[in-house]
Amino acid sequence: MKVTAICLGKAEKLPGKSYKSGINKQPVNYPVHVDENGLVGDSICNGKYHGGHEQAVYLEGAETLAWWAQELQRDLPPGTFGENLVIEGLENRDVCVGDRFHLAGGVILEATSPRVPCNTFTAHMGDPKIAKRYTAAARPGIYCRVLSMGIITPQEEVRLQPYDGERVRIADLMILQPKRLSAQQRVRYLAVPLHEDLQAKIRELA
C-alpha cells in the first residue's frame, strides 16, 4: 500500500450555507507535517464534531473510492469526500478499530471510528440522498488518532498492522447504539481502542 494523495482544506462557505467548512480538500504535491491534531495546514472549522486527537486524520481507501465513483457515476478526485489521505490498496470495509497504519516516514496512525455523514457532507456533495446511501453502503472513511508524529510525503509506502485483539469493524460502528449492547457486547467493545467519546458512552451503561 502507499499514499496516493495528501489533501488539505481551507475554511470556506458552502453553497447555501452561512458557516465555513474545511471539507473541500485539495491534493498537494509536497510533504506535510503531522502532529497530534492531524495534518498541519488543514482547516477544521467545527471542533465539536470534527478534528481532535481521536479523529485527527481522516483517510479513505482507494479501492473504496473507486467503488463509490462507480456507484455514484461521477469522478471523485482526491479530497472529494473531505479525506486527508488516500491509501492505495485499501478497502475501508476491512479496517477494524485499533488497526495501525505505519507510514514509511515514521508517522503511525491508529483507526478509532468511522466517518459519519452530516449536513455539511450532503451540501458539499450536492446530493440530498448521499448521507442515507453512505450509511447503507457501510464503507465509511476511517478516522485515526496519531500515535507517532512526523512528515507524510506523496507516494510513500504504508504498512497495515492489524489489531491483535478483538476484531471490531469500523463499518459496524456507523449504526452502533450503545444502549442496545448486551453486557457481553459492552465488554467486547471496551476491549478495543475506540474513539474515547464512544468508549465513555459505553462505560456509562456498563
N, C-alpha and C. Protein backbone atom coordinates (compact mmCIF):
# COMPACT_ATOMS: atom_id res chain seq x y z
N MET A 1 0.84 -1.20 0.00
CA MET A 1 0.00 0.00 0.00
C MET A 1 0.87 1.25 0.00
N LYS A 2 0.30 2.34 -0.45
CA LYS A 2 1.02 3.61 -0.42
C LYS A 2 0.06 4.76 -0.39
N VAL A 3 0.57 5.94 -0.03
CA VAL A 3 -0.22 7.17 -0.02
C VAL A 3 -0.29 7.70 -1.44
N THR A 4 -1.48 7.72 -2.02
CA THR A 4 -1.60 8.25 -3.38
C THR A 4 -2.03 9.71 -3.40
N ALA A 5 -2.54 10.21 -2.27
CA ALA A 5 -2.93 11.63 -2.22
C ALA A 5 -2.92 12.13 -0.79
N ILE A 6 -2.42 13.35 -0.62
CA ILE A 6 -2.48 14.08 0.64
C ILE A 6 -3.34 15.31 0.37
N CYS A 7 -4.39 15.50 1.16
CA CYS A 7 -5.34 16.57 0.86
C CYS A 7 -5.54 17.50 2.05
N LEU A 8 -5.57 18.79 1.76
CA LEU A 8 -5.78 19.82 2.77
C LEU A 8 -6.96 20.70 2.38
N GLY A 9 -7.64 21.23 3.38
CA GLY A 9 -8.78 22.09 3.10
C GLY A 9 -8.61 23.47 3.70
N LYS A 10 -9.24 24.46 3.07
CA LYS A 10 -9.27 25.82 3.58
C LYS A 10 -10.69 26.14 4.05
N ALA A 11 -10.79 26.99 5.05
CA ALA A 11 -12.11 27.40 5.55
C ALA A 11 -12.82 28.22 4.49
N GLU A 12 -14.00 27.76 4.08
CA GLU A 12 -14.78 28.48 3.09
C GLU A 12 -16.25 28.12 3.22
N LYS A 13 -17.12 29.02 2.77
CA LYS A 13 -18.55 28.78 2.85
C LYS A 13 -19.00 27.84 1.74
N LEU A 14 -19.91 26.94 2.09
CA LEU A 14 -20.51 26.05 1.12
C LEU A 14 -21.73 26.73 0.51
N PRO A 15 -22.10 26.35 -0.71
CA PRO A 15 -23.29 26.94 -1.33
C PRO A 15 -24.53 26.75 -0.46
N GLY A 16 -25.23 27.84 -0.19
CA GLY A 16 -26.46 27.78 0.59
C GLY A 16 -26.25 27.71 2.09
N LYS A 17 -25.00 27.77 2.56
CA LYS A 17 -24.72 27.69 3.99
C LYS A 17 -24.08 28.99 4.47
N SER A 18 -24.34 29.32 5.73
CA SER A 18 -23.80 30.57 6.28
C SER A 18 -22.48 30.35 7.01
N TYR A 19 -22.19 29.10 7.35
CA TYR A 19 -20.98 28.79 8.10
C TYR A 19 -19.85 28.33 7.17
N LYS A 20 -18.65 28.33 7.70
CA LYS A 20 -17.50 27.89 6.93
C LYS A 20 -17.14 26.44 7.28
N SER A 21 -16.54 25.77 6.31
CA SER A 21 -16.13 24.38 6.49
C SER A 21 -14.82 24.15 5.76
N GLY A 22 -14.07 23.17 6.24
CA GLY A 22 -12.82 22.79 5.56
C GLY A 22 -12.98 21.50 4.79
N ILE A 23 -14.22 21.10 4.48
CA ILE A 23 -14.45 19.81 3.84
C ILE A 23 -13.96 19.76 2.39
N ASN A 24 -13.90 20.92 1.75
CA ASN A 24 -13.47 20.95 0.34
C ASN A 24 -11.95 20.86 0.26
N LYS A 25 -11.43 19.66 0.32
CA LYS A 25 -9.99 19.47 0.37
C LYS A 25 -9.41 19.24 -1.03
N GLN A 26 -8.18 19.69 -1.19
CA GLN A 26 -7.49 19.57 -2.46
C GLN A 26 -6.15 18.87 -2.25
N PRO A 27 -5.75 18.03 -3.21
CA PRO A 27 -4.45 17.33 -3.07
C PRO A 27 -3.28 18.29 -3.19
N VAL A 28 -2.24 18.01 -2.46
CA VAL A 28 -1.00 18.80 -2.54
C VAL A 28 0.13 17.86 -2.93
N ASN A 29 1.16 18.41 -3.54
CA ASN A 29 2.25 17.56 -4.04
C ASN A 29 3.54 17.77 -3.26
N TYR A 30 3.41 18.13 -1.97
CA TYR A 30 4.59 18.38 -1.15
C TYR A 30 4.42 17.68 0.20
N PRO A 31 5.52 17.48 0.92
CA PRO A 31 5.44 16.83 2.24
C PRO A 31 4.63 17.68 3.21
N VAL A 32 3.90 17.01 4.10
CA VAL A 32 3.05 17.69 5.09
C VAL A 32 3.37 17.16 6.48
N HIS A 33 3.54 18.08 7.42
CA HIS A 33 3.82 17.67 8.79
C HIS A 33 2.53 17.21 9.47
N VAL A 34 2.64 16.14 10.26
CA VAL A 34 1.51 15.60 11.01
C VAL A 34 1.83 15.69 12.49
N ASP A 35 0.97 16.39 13.25
CA ASP A 35 1.13 16.42 14.70
C ASP A 35 -0.05 15.71 15.34
N GLU A 36 -0.21 15.82 16.65
CA GLU A 36 -1.26 15.07 17.33
C GLU A 36 -2.67 15.51 16.93
N ASN A 37 -2.78 16.69 16.31
CA ASN A 37 -4.08 17.18 15.87
C ASN A 37 -4.36 16.93 14.39
N GLY A 38 -3.41 16.30 13.71
CA GLY A 38 -3.62 15.99 12.30
C GLY A 38 -2.64 16.67 11.38
N LEU A 39 -3.06 16.89 10.14
CA LEU A 39 -2.19 17.49 9.14
C LEU A 39 -2.10 19.00 9.35
N VAL A 40 -0.89 19.49 9.53
CA VAL A 40 -0.68 20.92 9.72
C VAL A 40 -1.05 21.65 8.43
N GLY A 41 -1.90 22.67 8.57
CA GLY A 41 -2.34 23.42 7.40
C GLY A 41 -3.74 23.05 6.94
N ASP A 42 -4.32 22.02 7.56
CA ASP A 42 -5.68 21.61 7.21
C ASP A 42 -6.67 22.32 8.13
N SER A 43 -7.68 22.93 7.56
CA SER A 43 -8.64 23.71 8.35
C SER A 43 -9.72 22.83 8.96
N ILE A 44 -9.92 22.97 10.26
CA ILE A 44 -11.02 22.33 10.98
C ILE A 44 -11.87 23.46 11.56
N CYS A 45 -13.10 23.60 11.06
CA CYS A 45 -13.92 24.74 11.45
C CYS A 45 -14.89 24.44 12.59
N ASN A 46 -15.32 23.21 12.71
CA ASN A 46 -16.27 22.85 13.77
C ASN A 46 -15.63 21.81 14.67
N GLY A 47 -14.93 22.29 15.69
CA GLY A 47 -14.20 21.41 16.58
C GLY A 47 -15.07 20.51 17.42
N LYS A 48 -16.37 20.81 17.50
CA LYS A 48 -17.26 19.97 18.30
C LYS A 48 -17.46 18.61 17.66
N TYR A 49 -17.52 18.58 16.34
CA TYR A 49 -17.81 17.33 15.63
C TYR A 49 -16.66 16.84 14.76
N HIS A 50 -15.69 17.68 14.52
CA HIS A 50 -14.60 17.31 13.62
C HIS A 50 -13.25 17.57 14.28
N GLY A 51 -12.25 16.83 13.85
CA GLY A 51 -10.91 17.02 14.37
C GLY A 51 -10.75 16.49 15.78
N GLY A 52 -9.72 16.95 16.46
CA GLY A 52 -9.42 16.45 17.79
C GLY A 52 -8.50 15.26 17.73
N HIS A 53 -7.95 14.89 18.88
CA HIS A 53 -6.95 13.82 18.92
C HIS A 53 -7.49 12.48 18.43
N GLU A 54 -8.78 12.23 18.69
CA GLU A 54 -9.33 10.91 18.37
C GLU A 54 -9.74 10.76 16.91
N GLN A 55 -9.83 11.86 16.22
CA GLN A 55 -10.13 11.80 14.78
C GLN A 55 -9.29 12.87 14.07
N ALA A 56 -7.99 12.75 14.32
CA ALA A 56 -7.04 13.75 13.82
C ALA A 56 -6.82 13.65 12.32
N VAL A 57 -6.86 12.44 11.79
CA VAL A 57 -6.62 12.22 10.37
C VAL A 57 -7.75 11.36 9.80
N TYR A 58 -8.28 11.79 8.68
CA TYR A 58 -9.37 11.06 8.01
C TYR A 58 -8.81 10.47 6.72
N LEU A 59 -8.87 9.15 6.62
CA LEU A 59 -8.33 8.51 5.42
C LEU A 59 -9.39 7.69 4.71
N GLU A 60 -9.18 7.54 3.42
CA GLU A 60 -10.04 6.74 2.56
C GLU A 60 -9.18 5.75 1.78
N GLY A 61 -9.73 4.55 1.59
CA GLY A 61 -9.05 3.57 0.75
C GLY A 61 -9.35 3.84 -0.71
N ALA A 62 -8.33 3.74 -1.56
CA ALA A 62 -8.54 3.97 -2.99
C ALA A 62 -9.54 2.97 -3.57
N GLU A 63 -9.55 1.75 -3.04
CA GLU A 63 -10.49 0.74 -3.52
C GLU A 63 -11.93 1.17 -3.21
N THR A 64 -12.13 1.74 -2.06
CA THR A 64 -13.46 2.19 -1.67
C THR A 64 -13.90 3.38 -2.52
N LEU A 65 -13.00 4.32 -2.77
CA LEU A 65 -13.34 5.48 -3.58
C LEU A 65 -13.67 5.07 -5.01
N ALA A 66 -12.98 4.05 -5.52
CA ALA A 66 -13.27 3.56 -6.87
C ALA A 66 -14.67 2.95 -6.91
N TRP A 67 -15.04 2.26 -5.83
CA TRP A 67 -16.39 1.70 -5.75
C TRP A 67 -17.43 2.81 -5.74
N TRP A 68 -17.17 3.86 -4.96
CA TRP A 68 -18.11 4.98 -4.89
C TRP A 68 -18.22 5.70 -6.23
N ALA A 69 -17.12 5.85 -6.94
CA ALA A 69 -17.16 6.53 -8.23
C ALA A 69 -18.08 5.79 -9.19
N GLN A 70 -18.03 4.48 -9.15
CA GLN A 70 -18.91 3.68 -10.00
C GLN A 70 -20.36 3.76 -9.50
N GLU A 71 -20.52 3.70 -8.17
CA GLU A 71 -21.86 3.74 -7.58
C GLU A 71 -22.56 5.06 -7.86
N LEU A 72 -21.81 6.16 -7.78
CA LEU A 72 -22.39 7.49 -7.97
C LEU A 72 -22.34 7.96 -9.42
N GLN A 73 -21.61 7.20 -10.23
CA GLN A 73 -21.47 7.55 -11.65
C GLN A 73 -20.91 8.96 -11.83
N ARG A 74 -19.83 9.24 -11.09
CA ARG A 74 -19.17 10.53 -11.21
C ARG A 74 -17.71 10.39 -10.80
N ASP A 75 -16.89 11.29 -11.30
CA ASP A 75 -15.49 11.30 -10.90
C ASP A 75 -15.38 11.76 -9.45
N LEU A 76 -14.45 11.17 -8.72
CA LEU A 76 -14.20 11.56 -7.34
C LEU A 76 -12.72 11.87 -7.17
N PRO A 77 -12.31 13.07 -7.55
CA PRO A 77 -10.90 13.45 -7.39
C PRO A 77 -10.52 13.38 -5.91
N PRO A 78 -9.24 13.17 -5.61
CA PRO A 78 -8.79 13.11 -4.21
C PRO A 78 -9.28 14.33 -3.42
N GLY A 79 -9.83 14.05 -2.24
CA GLY A 79 -10.34 15.11 -1.38
C GLY A 79 -11.83 15.34 -1.48
N THR A 80 -12.50 14.70 -2.45
CA THR A 80 -13.92 14.94 -2.66
C THR A 80 -14.76 14.63 -1.42
N PHE A 81 -14.42 13.56 -0.72
CA PHE A 81 -15.17 13.19 0.48
C PHE A 81 -14.68 13.94 1.72
N GLY A 82 -13.69 14.81 1.53
CA GLY A 82 -13.14 15.56 2.66
C GLY A 82 -12.01 14.82 3.35
N GLU A 83 -11.49 13.79 2.68
CA GLU A 83 -10.42 12.98 3.29
C GLU A 83 -9.07 13.68 3.25
N ASN A 84 -8.22 13.34 4.23
CA ASN A 84 -6.85 13.84 4.27
C ASN A 84 -5.90 12.98 3.47
N LEU A 85 -6.11 11.66 3.53
CA LEU A 85 -5.22 10.73 2.85
C LEU A 85 -6.01 9.72 2.04
N VAL A 86 -5.47 9.38 0.88
CA VAL A 86 -5.99 8.27 0.09
C VAL A 86 -4.91 7.19 0.07
N ILE A 87 -5.30 5.98 0.46
CA ILE A 87 -4.36 4.87 0.56
C ILE A 87 -4.63 3.85 -0.52
N GLU A 88 -3.69 3.64 -1.40
CA GLU A 88 -3.82 2.65 -2.46
C GLU A 88 -3.81 1.25 -1.87
N GLY A 89 -4.69 0.39 -2.39
CA GLY A 89 -4.74 -0.99 -1.94
C GLY A 89 -5.57 -1.21 -0.70
N LEU A 90 -6.28 -0.17 -0.23
CA LEU A 90 -7.06 -0.29 1.00
C LEU A 90 -8.55 -0.28 0.68
N GLU A 91 -9.28 -1.24 1.25
CA GLU A 91 -10.74 -1.27 1.21
C GLU A 91 -11.23 -0.96 2.62
N ASN A 92 -12.01 0.09 2.76
CA ASN A 92 -12.44 0.56 4.08
C ASN A 92 -13.16 -0.52 4.90
N ARG A 93 -13.92 -1.37 4.24
CA ARG A 93 -14.70 -2.38 4.95
C ARG A 93 -13.83 -3.36 5.74
N ASP A 94 -12.55 -3.45 5.37
CA ASP A 94 -11.66 -4.42 6.01
C ASP A 94 -11.01 -3.87 7.28
N VAL A 95 -11.14 -2.57 7.55
CA VAL A 95 -10.43 -1.94 8.65
C VAL A 95 -11.19 -2.11 9.97
N CYS A 96 -10.44 -2.45 11.02
CA CYS A 96 -11.02 -2.63 12.35
C CYS A 96 -10.42 -1.61 13.32
N VAL A 97 -11.14 -1.39 14.40
CA VAL A 97 -10.66 -0.50 15.45
C VAL A 97 -9.30 -1.00 15.95
N GLY A 98 -8.35 -0.09 16.06
CA GLY A 98 -7.03 -0.45 16.55
C GLY A 98 -6.04 -0.84 15.47
N ASP A 99 -6.50 -1.03 14.24
CA ASP A 99 -5.57 -1.29 13.15
C ASP A 99 -4.66 -0.07 13.00
N ARG A 100 -3.38 -0.34 12.74
CA ARG A 100 -2.43 0.76 12.64
C ARG A 100 -1.83 0.87 11.24
N PHE A 101 -1.67 2.11 10.81
CA PHE A 101 -1.07 2.40 9.52
C PHE A 101 0.32 2.98 9.77
N HIS A 102 1.34 2.23 9.39
CA HIS A 102 2.72 2.66 9.56
C HIS A 102 3.20 3.25 8.24
N LEU A 103 3.44 4.55 8.23
CA LEU A 103 3.93 5.21 7.02
C LEU A 103 5.45 5.21 7.02
N ALA A 104 6.02 5.12 5.83
CA ALA A 104 7.47 4.96 5.70
C ALA A 104 8.24 6.07 6.38
N GLY A 105 7.66 7.28 6.47
CA GLY A 105 8.35 8.40 7.08
C GLY A 105 8.32 8.41 8.59
N GLY A 106 7.65 7.43 9.20
CA GLY A 106 7.64 7.33 10.65
C GLY A 106 6.30 7.65 11.31
N VAL A 107 5.36 8.22 10.56
CA VAL A 107 4.04 8.50 11.12
C VAL A 107 3.29 7.19 11.34
N ILE A 108 2.63 7.09 12.50
CA ILE A 108 1.80 5.92 12.79
C ILE A 108 0.40 6.42 13.14
N LEU A 109 -0.60 5.88 12.45
CA LEU A 109 -1.99 6.23 12.68
C LEU A 109 -2.75 5.01 13.18
N GLU A 110 -3.70 5.24 14.09
CA GLU A 110 -4.50 4.14 14.63
C GLU A 110 -5.98 4.41 14.40
N ALA A 111 -6.67 3.46 13.80
CA ALA A 111 -8.09 3.60 13.47
C ALA A 111 -8.94 3.65 14.73
N THR A 112 -9.82 4.65 14.83
CA THR A 112 -10.64 4.83 16.03
C THR A 112 -12.14 4.79 15.78
N SER A 113 -12.58 5.26 14.61
CA SER A 113 -14.02 5.43 14.41
C SER A 113 -14.33 5.70 12.94
N PRO A 114 -15.61 5.56 12.56
CA PRO A 114 -16.00 5.81 11.17
C PRO A 114 -16.34 7.27 10.92
N ARG A 115 -16.24 7.65 9.69
CA ARG A 115 -16.77 8.94 9.28
C ARG A 115 -18.29 8.78 9.17
N VAL A 116 -19.03 9.63 9.83
CA VAL A 116 -20.49 9.59 9.79
C VAL A 116 -20.97 10.78 8.96
N PRO A 117 -21.78 10.54 7.94
CA PRO A 117 -22.21 11.65 7.06
C PRO A 117 -23.07 12.66 7.81
N CYS A 118 -22.90 13.92 7.45
CA CYS A 118 -23.62 15.01 8.11
C CYS A 118 -24.18 15.97 7.07
N ASN A 119 -24.84 17.03 7.54
CA ASN A 119 -25.43 18.01 6.63
C ASN A 119 -24.38 18.71 5.78
N THR A 120 -23.21 18.92 6.36
CA THR A 120 -22.14 19.57 5.61
C THR A 120 -21.69 18.69 4.44
N PHE A 121 -21.58 17.39 4.70
CA PHE A 121 -21.22 16.44 3.65
C PHE A 121 -22.28 16.44 2.54
N THR A 122 -23.55 16.46 2.93
CA THR A 122 -24.64 16.48 1.96
C THR A 122 -24.57 17.73 1.09
N ALA A 123 -24.35 18.88 1.73
CA ALA A 123 -24.27 20.14 0.98
C ALA A 123 -23.06 20.15 0.05
N HIS A 124 -21.95 19.64 0.55
CA HIS A 124 -20.73 19.61 -0.24
C HIS A 124 -20.88 18.73 -1.47
N MET A 125 -21.55 17.59 -1.32
CA MET A 125 -21.72 16.66 -2.43
C MET A 125 -22.85 17.07 -3.37
N GLY A 126 -23.74 17.97 -2.89
CA GLY A 126 -24.84 18.40 -3.73
C GLY A 126 -25.83 17.29 -4.04
N ASP A 127 -25.99 16.37 -3.09
CA ASP A 127 -26.85 15.22 -3.28
C ASP A 127 -27.64 14.97 -1.99
N PRO A 128 -28.94 15.29 -1.97
CA PRO A 128 -29.72 15.15 -0.74
C PRO A 128 -29.84 13.72 -0.23
N LYS A 129 -29.53 12.74 -1.07
CA LYS A 129 -29.65 11.34 -0.67
C LYS A 129 -28.31 10.71 -0.27
N ILE A 130 -27.24 11.47 -0.36
CA ILE A 130 -25.91 10.88 -0.17
C ILE A 130 -25.70 10.36 1.25
N ALA A 131 -26.21 11.04 2.26
CA ALA A 131 -25.99 10.59 3.63
C ALA A 131 -26.62 9.22 3.87
N LYS A 132 -27.84 9.04 3.38
CA LYS A 132 -28.53 7.77 3.53
C LYS A 132 -27.81 6.67 2.76
N ARG A 133 -27.36 6.98 1.55
CA ARG A 133 -26.65 5.99 0.74
C ARG A 133 -25.30 5.65 1.36
N TYR A 134 -24.65 6.64 1.91
CA TYR A 134 -23.33 6.44 2.53
C TYR A 134 -23.46 5.50 3.73
N THR A 135 -24.47 5.71 4.54
CA THR A 135 -24.68 4.86 5.71
C THR A 135 -25.05 3.44 5.30
N ALA A 136 -25.93 3.31 4.33
CA ALA A 136 -26.37 1.99 3.88
C ALA A 136 -25.24 1.19 3.25
N ALA A 137 -24.31 1.87 2.61
CA ALA A 137 -23.21 1.18 1.93
C ALA A 137 -22.22 0.54 2.90
N ALA A 138 -22.16 1.06 4.13
CA ALA A 138 -21.26 0.52 5.17
C ALA A 138 -19.81 0.44 4.68
N ARG A 139 -19.37 1.48 4.03
CA ARG A 139 -17.98 1.60 3.59
C ARG A 139 -17.43 2.95 4.07
N PRO A 140 -17.52 3.25 5.36
CA PRO A 140 -17.17 4.59 5.84
C PRO A 140 -15.68 4.87 5.78
N GLY A 141 -15.37 6.16 5.64
CA GLY A 141 -13.99 6.59 5.78
C GLY A 141 -13.53 6.33 7.21
N ILE A 142 -12.22 6.34 7.40
CA ILE A 142 -11.64 5.96 8.68
C ILE A 142 -11.01 7.16 9.38
N TYR A 143 -11.46 7.41 10.62
CA TYR A 143 -10.81 8.41 11.45
C TYR A 143 -9.70 7.73 12.25
N CYS A 144 -8.58 8.44 12.41
CA CYS A 144 -7.43 7.88 13.12
C CYS A 144 -6.88 8.87 14.13
N ARG A 145 -6.33 8.34 15.21
CA ARG A 145 -5.52 9.14 16.12
C ARG A 145 -4.07 9.00 15.68
N VAL A 146 -3.23 9.96 16.03
CA VAL A 146 -1.82 9.95 15.66
C VAL A 146 -1.01 9.40 16.82
N LEU A 147 -0.36 8.27 16.61
CA LEU A 147 0.48 7.67 17.64
C LEU A 147 1.92 8.12 17.54
N SER A 148 2.35 8.44 16.32
CA SER A 148 3.71 8.92 16.10
C SER A 148 3.68 10.03 15.07
N MET A 149 4.16 11.21 15.44
CA MET A 149 4.14 12.37 14.56
C MET A 149 5.30 12.34 13.57
N GLY A 150 5.21 13.15 12.53
CA GLY A 150 6.28 13.20 11.54
C GLY A 150 5.83 13.87 10.26
N ILE A 151 6.46 13.49 9.18
CA ILE A 151 6.19 14.06 7.86
C ILE A 151 5.61 12.99 6.95
N ILE A 152 4.53 13.35 6.25
CA ILE A 152 3.95 12.46 5.25
C ILE A 152 4.28 13.02 3.87
N THR A 153 4.71 12.15 2.98
CA THR A 153 5.03 12.57 1.62
C THR A 153 4.20 11.77 0.62
N PRO A 154 3.84 12.38 -0.50
CA PRO A 154 3.07 11.66 -1.52
C PRO A 154 3.82 10.43 -2.01
N GLN A 155 3.09 9.36 -2.22
CA GLN A 155 3.60 8.10 -2.77
C GLN A 155 4.44 7.29 -1.78
N GLU A 156 4.48 7.68 -0.52
CA GLU A 156 5.27 6.88 0.42
C GLU A 156 4.53 5.60 0.78
N GLU A 157 5.31 4.57 1.12
CA GLU A 157 4.76 3.26 1.41
C GLU A 157 4.02 3.26 2.75
N VAL A 158 2.99 2.41 2.83
CA VAL A 158 2.19 2.26 4.04
C VAL A 158 2.10 0.77 4.38
N ARG A 159 2.29 0.46 5.66
CA ARG A 159 2.14 -0.92 6.13
C ARG A 159 0.99 -0.98 7.12
N LEU A 160 0.07 -1.89 6.88
CA LEU A 160 -1.07 -2.05 7.78
C LEU A 160 -0.76 -3.12 8.83
N GLN A 161 -0.87 -2.74 10.09
CA GLN A 161 -0.67 -3.67 11.21
C GLN A 161 -2.03 -3.95 11.84
N PRO A 162 -2.62 -5.12 11.62
CA PRO A 162 -3.93 -5.42 12.20
C PRO A 162 -3.88 -5.43 13.72
N TYR A 163 -4.93 -4.96 14.34
CA TYR A 163 -5.04 -5.00 15.80
C TYR A 163 -5.06 -6.46 16.23
N ASP A 164 -4.30 -6.80 17.27
CA ASP A 164 -4.15 -8.20 17.65
C ASP A 164 -5.14 -8.67 18.70
N GLY A 165 -6.14 -7.83 19.00
CA GLY A 165 -7.17 -8.22 19.95
C GLY A 165 -8.49 -8.46 19.24
N GLU A 166 -9.59 -8.09 19.88
CA GLU A 166 -10.91 -8.24 19.29
C GLU A 166 -10.96 -7.50 17.95
N ARG A 167 -11.61 -8.14 16.96
CA ARG A 167 -11.74 -7.53 15.65
C ARG A 167 -13.12 -6.88 15.53
N VAL A 168 -13.17 -5.58 15.75
CA VAL A 168 -14.40 -4.81 15.66
C VAL A 168 -14.30 -3.92 14.43
N ARG A 169 -15.11 -4.20 13.43
CA ARG A 169 -15.02 -3.44 12.18
C ARG A 169 -15.47 -1.99 12.37
N ILE A 170 -14.71 -1.08 11.78
CA ILE A 170 -15.08 0.33 11.81
C ILE A 170 -16.48 0.51 11.21
N ALA A 171 -16.77 -0.21 10.15
CA ALA A 171 -18.06 -0.08 9.48
C ALA A 171 -19.23 -0.40 10.42
N ASP A 172 -19.02 -1.34 11.33
CA ASP A 172 -20.10 -1.73 12.25
C ASP A 172 -20.44 -0.63 13.26
N LEU A 173 -19.52 0.31 13.45
CA LEU A 173 -19.74 1.38 14.42
C LEU A 173 -20.69 2.45 13.89
N MET A 174 -20.94 2.47 12.58
CA MET A 174 -21.79 3.51 12.00
C MET A 174 -23.20 3.46 12.57
N ILE A 175 -23.67 2.26 12.87
CA ILE A 175 -25.04 2.12 13.37
C ILE A 175 -25.06 1.60 14.81
N LEU A 176 -23.93 1.70 15.48
CA LEU A 176 -23.84 1.20 16.85
C LEU A 176 -24.67 2.06 17.79
N GLN A 177 -25.51 1.41 18.58
CA GLN A 177 -26.30 2.09 19.60
C GLN A 177 -25.92 1.50 20.95
N PRO A 178 -25.08 2.20 21.70
CA PRO A 178 -24.57 1.67 22.97
C PRO A 178 -25.65 1.13 23.91
N LYS A 179 -26.82 1.78 23.94
CA LYS A 179 -27.87 1.36 24.86
C LYS A 179 -28.43 -0.03 24.53
N ARG A 180 -28.21 -0.47 23.31
CA ARG A 180 -28.74 -1.78 22.90
C ARG A 180 -27.71 -2.90 23.00
N LEU A 181 -26.52 -2.56 23.46
CA LEU A 181 -25.49 -3.58 23.61
C LEU A 181 -25.76 -4.45 24.84
N SER A 182 -25.51 -5.73 24.70
CA SER A 182 -25.60 -6.62 25.85
C SER A 182 -24.37 -6.42 26.71
N ALA A 183 -24.39 -6.96 27.93
CA ALA A 183 -23.23 -6.83 28.81
C ALA A 183 -22.00 -7.46 28.16
N GLN A 184 -22.18 -8.57 27.49
CA GLN A 184 -21.07 -9.24 26.82
C GLN A 184 -20.53 -8.39 25.67
N GLN A 185 -21.43 -7.77 24.94
CA GLN A 185 -21.01 -6.92 23.83
C GLN A 185 -20.26 -5.69 24.33
N ARG A 186 -20.70 -5.13 25.45
CA ARG A 186 -20.01 -3.96 26.00
C ARG A 186 -18.58 -4.31 26.37
N VAL A 187 -18.39 -5.47 26.97
CA VAL A 187 -17.04 -5.92 27.32
C VAL A 187 -16.19 -6.03 26.05
N ARG A 188 -16.78 -6.57 25.00
CA ARG A 188 -16.05 -6.73 23.74
C ARG A 188 -15.64 -5.38 23.15
N TYR A 189 -16.57 -4.44 23.13
CA TYR A 189 -16.27 -3.14 22.53
C TYR A 189 -15.30 -2.32 23.37
N LEU A 190 -15.36 -2.49 24.67
CA LEU A 190 -14.44 -1.75 25.53
C LEU A 190 -13.04 -2.35 25.54
N ALA A 191 -12.89 -3.51 24.92
CA ALA A 191 -11.58 -4.16 24.86
C ALA A 191 -10.72 -3.62 23.72
N VAL A 192 -11.32 -2.78 22.86
CA VAL A 192 -10.57 -2.23 21.72
C VAL A 192 -10.43 -0.72 21.90
N PRO A 193 -9.41 -0.12 21.25
CA PRO A 193 -9.15 1.32 21.42
C PRO A 193 -10.08 2.22 20.62
N LEU A 194 -11.35 2.18 20.96
CA LEU A 194 -12.35 3.03 20.31
C LEU A 194 -12.06 4.51 20.52
N HIS A 195 -12.73 5.33 19.72
CA HIS A 195 -12.79 6.77 19.96
C HIS A 195 -13.22 6.97 21.41
N GLU A 196 -12.54 7.84 22.14
CA GLU A 196 -12.78 7.97 23.59
C GLU A 196 -14.21 8.39 23.92
N ASP A 197 -14.86 9.16 23.06
CA ASP A 197 -16.24 9.57 23.32
C ASP A 197 -17.18 8.37 23.29
N LEU A 198 -16.95 7.48 22.34
CA LEU A 198 -17.77 6.28 22.25
C LEU A 198 -17.48 5.35 23.42
N GLN A 199 -16.23 5.26 23.80
CA GLN A 199 -15.88 4.47 24.99
C GLN A 199 -16.64 4.97 26.21
N ALA A 200 -16.67 6.29 26.38
CA ALA A 200 -17.34 6.88 27.54
C ALA A 200 -18.83 6.56 27.54
N LYS A 201 -19.48 6.60 26.39
CA LYS A 201 -20.91 6.30 26.31
C LYS A 201 -21.18 4.85 26.70
N ILE A 202 -20.29 3.95 26.29
CA ILE A 202 -20.48 2.54 26.62
C ILE A 202 -20.21 2.29 28.09
N ARG A 203 -19.20 2.95 28.64
CA ARG A 203 -18.87 2.78 30.06
C ARG A 203 -20.00 3.26 30.97
N GLU A 204 -20.68 4.31 30.54
CA GLU A 204 -21.80 4.84 31.34
C GLU A 204 -22.89 3.80 31.53
N LEU A 205 -22.98 2.86 30.60
CA LEU A 205 -24.04 1.85 30.62
C LEU A 205 -23.55 0.52 31.20
N ALA A 206 -22.24 0.42 31.39
CA ALA A 206 -21.68 -0.86 31.84
C ALA A 206 -21.99 -1.12 33.31
